[in-house]
Amino acid sequence: MNRRTFFLATSAAAVAFPVRGKTAFEVTRTDAEWRAMLTDAQYRVMRQEGTERAFSSPLDKEYRDGEYHCRGCDLHIYSSKTKYDSRTGWPSFYDSEPGAIGTKTDFKLVYPRTECHCRRCGSHLGHIFNDGPQPTGKRHCLNGVSLVFKPA
């Protein structure tokens, strides 16, 4: 491999697989500040893009009227009006609040998935799949540890 081929290959990889943390978010904290405010499980999911165990979140079966906020910055990101029981073991919604989330392509399981995160602080929320109910046909499959429920 010559230098030109190497440069082109690494440049393409940098575009296809951006490094998390290079995006500027409105709410920023140091790693020490995140660790101080989150439990180990919350930190692993929200800052390291982990996944909580299925059926472990009490928010999976929460169906009262209210709002779901980002645990990292308190942004209102989902409404109980769009929540439904996907029977997957994770809190699921068919839509987010307008402008509340950001997305990127995630290749961690080899095939591409759509990862969603809080647009204000960058905290990992979960993934979006194309097997949800109408009107969107989307399933926002979220980690409950990333959310705070606020009853109406």
Protein backbone atom coordinates (compact mmCIF):
# COMPACT_ATOMS: atom_id res chain seq x y z
CA MET A 1 0.00 0.00 0.00
CA ASN A 2 1.45 3.36 -0.96
CA ARG A 3 1.00 6.62 0.97
CA ARG A 4 -1.77 7.87 -1.30
CA THR A 5 -3.85 4.70 -0.87
CA PHE A 6 -3.25 4.75 2.89
CA PHE A 7 -4.27 8.42 3.13
CA LEU A 8 -7.46 7.87 1.11
CA ALA A 9 -8.41 4.78 3.14
CA THR A 10 -7.88 6.46 6.52
CA SER A 11 -9.70 9.60 5.38
CA ALA A 12 -12.70 7.53 4.28
CA ALA A 13 -12.69 5.68 7.60
CA ALA A 14 -12.62 8.97 9.52
CA VAL A 15 -15.72 10.16 7.66
CA ALA A 16 -17.55 6.82 7.97
CA PHE A 17 -16.68 6.28 11.65
CA PRO A 18 -16.50 9.68 13.40
CA VAL A 19 -15.04 9.78 16.89
CA ARG A 20 -17.63 10.52 19.60
CA GLY A 21 -16.92 13.67 21.52
CA LYS A 22 -15.85 15.78 18.55
CA THR A 23 -19.33 17.30 18.30
CA ALA A 24 -19.89 20.45 20.35
CA PHE A 25 -22.98 20.17 22.53
CA GLU A 26 -24.72 22.96 24.46
CA VAL A 27 -24.24 21.13 27.78
CA THR A 28 -20.71 19.87 28.36
CA ARG A 29 -19.11 18.32 31.41
CA THR A 30 -15.73 16.81 32.16
CA ASP A 31 -15.49 13.07 32.50
CA ALA A 32 -15.08 13.53 36.26
CA GLU A 33 -18.28 15.61 36.42
CA TRP A 34 -20.24 12.95 34.48
CA ARG A 35 -18.90 10.19 36.75
CA ALA A 36 -19.84 12.20 39.86
CA MET A 37 -23.45 12.75 38.75
CA LEU A 38 -24.20 9.30 37.28
CA THR A 39 -24.23 5.78 38.67
CA ASP A 40 -21.85 3.27 37.06
CA ALA A 41 -24.71 1.82 34.98
CA GLN A 42 -25.90 5.27 33.86
CA TYR A 43 -22.34 6.29 32.93
CA ARG A 44 -21.75 3.07 30.96
CA VAL A 45 -24.92 3.61 28.92
CA MET A 46 -25.00 7.39 28.56
CA ARG A 47 -21.31 8.18 28.09
CA GLN A 48 -19.92 4.88 26.72
CA GLU A 49 -22.93 3.91 24.55
CA GLY A 50 -23.70 0.75 26.50
CA THR A 51 -27.06 -1.01 26.77
CA GLU A 52 -28.96 -1.88 29.92
CA ARG A 53 -30.33 -5.39 30.35
CA ALA A 54 -33.75 -5.97 28.79
CA PHE A 55 -36.68 -5.82 31.24
CA SER A 56 -34.49 -4.16 33.91
CA SER A 57 -35.95 -0.64 33.69
CA PRO A 58 -39.10 0.27 35.60
CA LEU A 59 -39.77 2.82 32.83
CA ASP A 60 -40.53 -0.05 30.43
CA LYS A 61 -43.91 -0.50 32.14
CA GLU A 62 -44.53 3.19 32.98
CA TYR A 63 -47.72 4.32 31.25
CA ARG A 64 -48.87 7.36 33.21
CA ASP A 65 -49.23 10.69 31.41
CA GLY A 66 -46.07 12.73 31.55
CA GLU A 67 -42.75 13.60 29.99
CA TYR A 68 -39.45 11.78 29.64
CA HIS A 69 -36.37 13.94 30.11
CA CYS A 70 -32.68 13.33 29.45
CA ARG A 71 -30.98 12.34 32.70
CA GLY A 72 -27.84 14.21 31.61
CA CYS A 73 -29.32 17.69 31.02
CA ASP A 74 -33.07 17.54 31.77
CA LEU A 75 -34.14 18.22 28.17
CA HIS A 76 -37.72 17.08 27.45
CA ILE A 77 -37.12 14.44 24.74
CA TYR A 78 -40.15 12.10 24.69
CA SER A 79 -43.85 12.35 25.57
CA SER A 80 -45.95 9.61 27.13
CA LYS A 81 -48.32 10.18 24.20
CA THR A 82 -45.84 8.44 21.85
CA LYS A 83 -44.90 5.59 24.24
CA TYR A 84 -46.06 2.05 23.54
CA ASP A 85 -45.35 -1.51 24.66
CA SER A 86 -42.97 -2.99 22.08
CA ARG A 87 -42.56 -6.15 24.18
CA THR A 88 -38.78 -5.84 23.75
CA GLY A 89 -37.99 -5.09 27.40
CA TRP A 90 -36.96 -1.48 26.83
CA PRO A 91 -39.02 1.73 26.97
CA SER A 92 -40.19 2.36 23.39
CA PHE A 93 -41.62 5.38 21.61
CA TYR A 94 -42.71 5.94 18.02
CA ASP A 95 -41.50 9.56 17.96
CA SER A 96 -39.41 12.08 19.90
CA GLU A 97 -40.10 15.70 20.67
CA PRO A 98 -39.19 17.99 17.73
CA GLY A 99 -35.46 18.78 17.68
CA ALA A 100 -34.77 16.84 20.89
CA ILE A 101 -32.51 14.06 19.60
CA GLY A 102 -29.58 13.62 17.29
CA THR A 103 -28.73 10.45 15.39
CA LYS A 104 -25.73 8.76 13.87
CA THR A 105 -24.99 5.43 12.24
CA ASP A 106 -23.68 2.80 14.65
CA PHE A 107 -21.73 -0.23 13.34
CA LYS A 108 -21.01 -1.89 16.74
CA LEU A 109 -22.92 -5.04 15.76
CA VAL A 110 -21.31 -5.02 12.28
CA TYR A 111 -24.54 -4.08 10.49
CA PRO A 112 -25.63 -0.41 10.53
CA ARG A 113 -28.10 0.78 13.16
CA THR A 114 -29.37 4.28 13.92
CA GLU A 115 -28.12 5.41 17.33
CA CYS A 116 -29.97 8.27 19.02
CA HIS A 117 -28.61 10.68 21.59
CA CYS A 118 -29.72 13.84 23.38
CA ARG A 119 -29.09 16.76 21.04
CA ARG A 120 -28.19 19.04 23.97
CA CYS A 121 -25.64 16.96 25.95
CA GLY A 122 -24.87 14.04 23.63
CA SER A 123 -25.93 11.35 26.10
CA HIS A 124 -26.63 8.00 24.45
CA LEU A 125 -30.33 7.09 24.61
CA GLY A 126 -30.68 3.96 22.47
CA HIS A 127 -31.44 3.03 18.86
CA ILE A 128 -34.17 3.65 16.30
CA PHE A 129 -35.58 0.77 14.26
CA ASN A 130 -38.06 0.62 11.38
CA ASP A 131 -40.49 -1.82 13.02
CA GLY A 132 -42.66 0.53 15.07
CA PRO A 133 -46.33 1.48 14.89
CA GLN A 134 -47.89 4.15 12.72
CA PRO A 135 -47.88 7.05 12.21
CA THR A 136 -44.05 6.94 11.98
CA GLY A 137 -43.30 3.23 11.67
CA LYS A 138 -40.31 3.85 13.97
CA ARG A 139 -39.36 2.24 17.28
CA HIS A 140 -37.15 4.39 19.48
CA CYS A 141 -35.80 1.61 21.71
CA LEU A 142 -34.32 3.41 24.73
CA ASN A 143 -32.32 2.69 27.84
CA GLY A 144 -34.38 3.64 30.89
CA VAL A 145 -31.26 4.71 32.81
CA SER A 146 -30.85 7.56 30.31
CA LEU A 147 -34.30 8.94 31.10
CA VAL A 148 -36.12 10.66 33.95
CA PHE A 149 -39.93 10.37 33.97
CA LYS A 150 -41.90 13.43 35.11
CA PRO A 151 -45.59 12.65 35.66
CA ALA A 152 -48.19 15.15 34.39
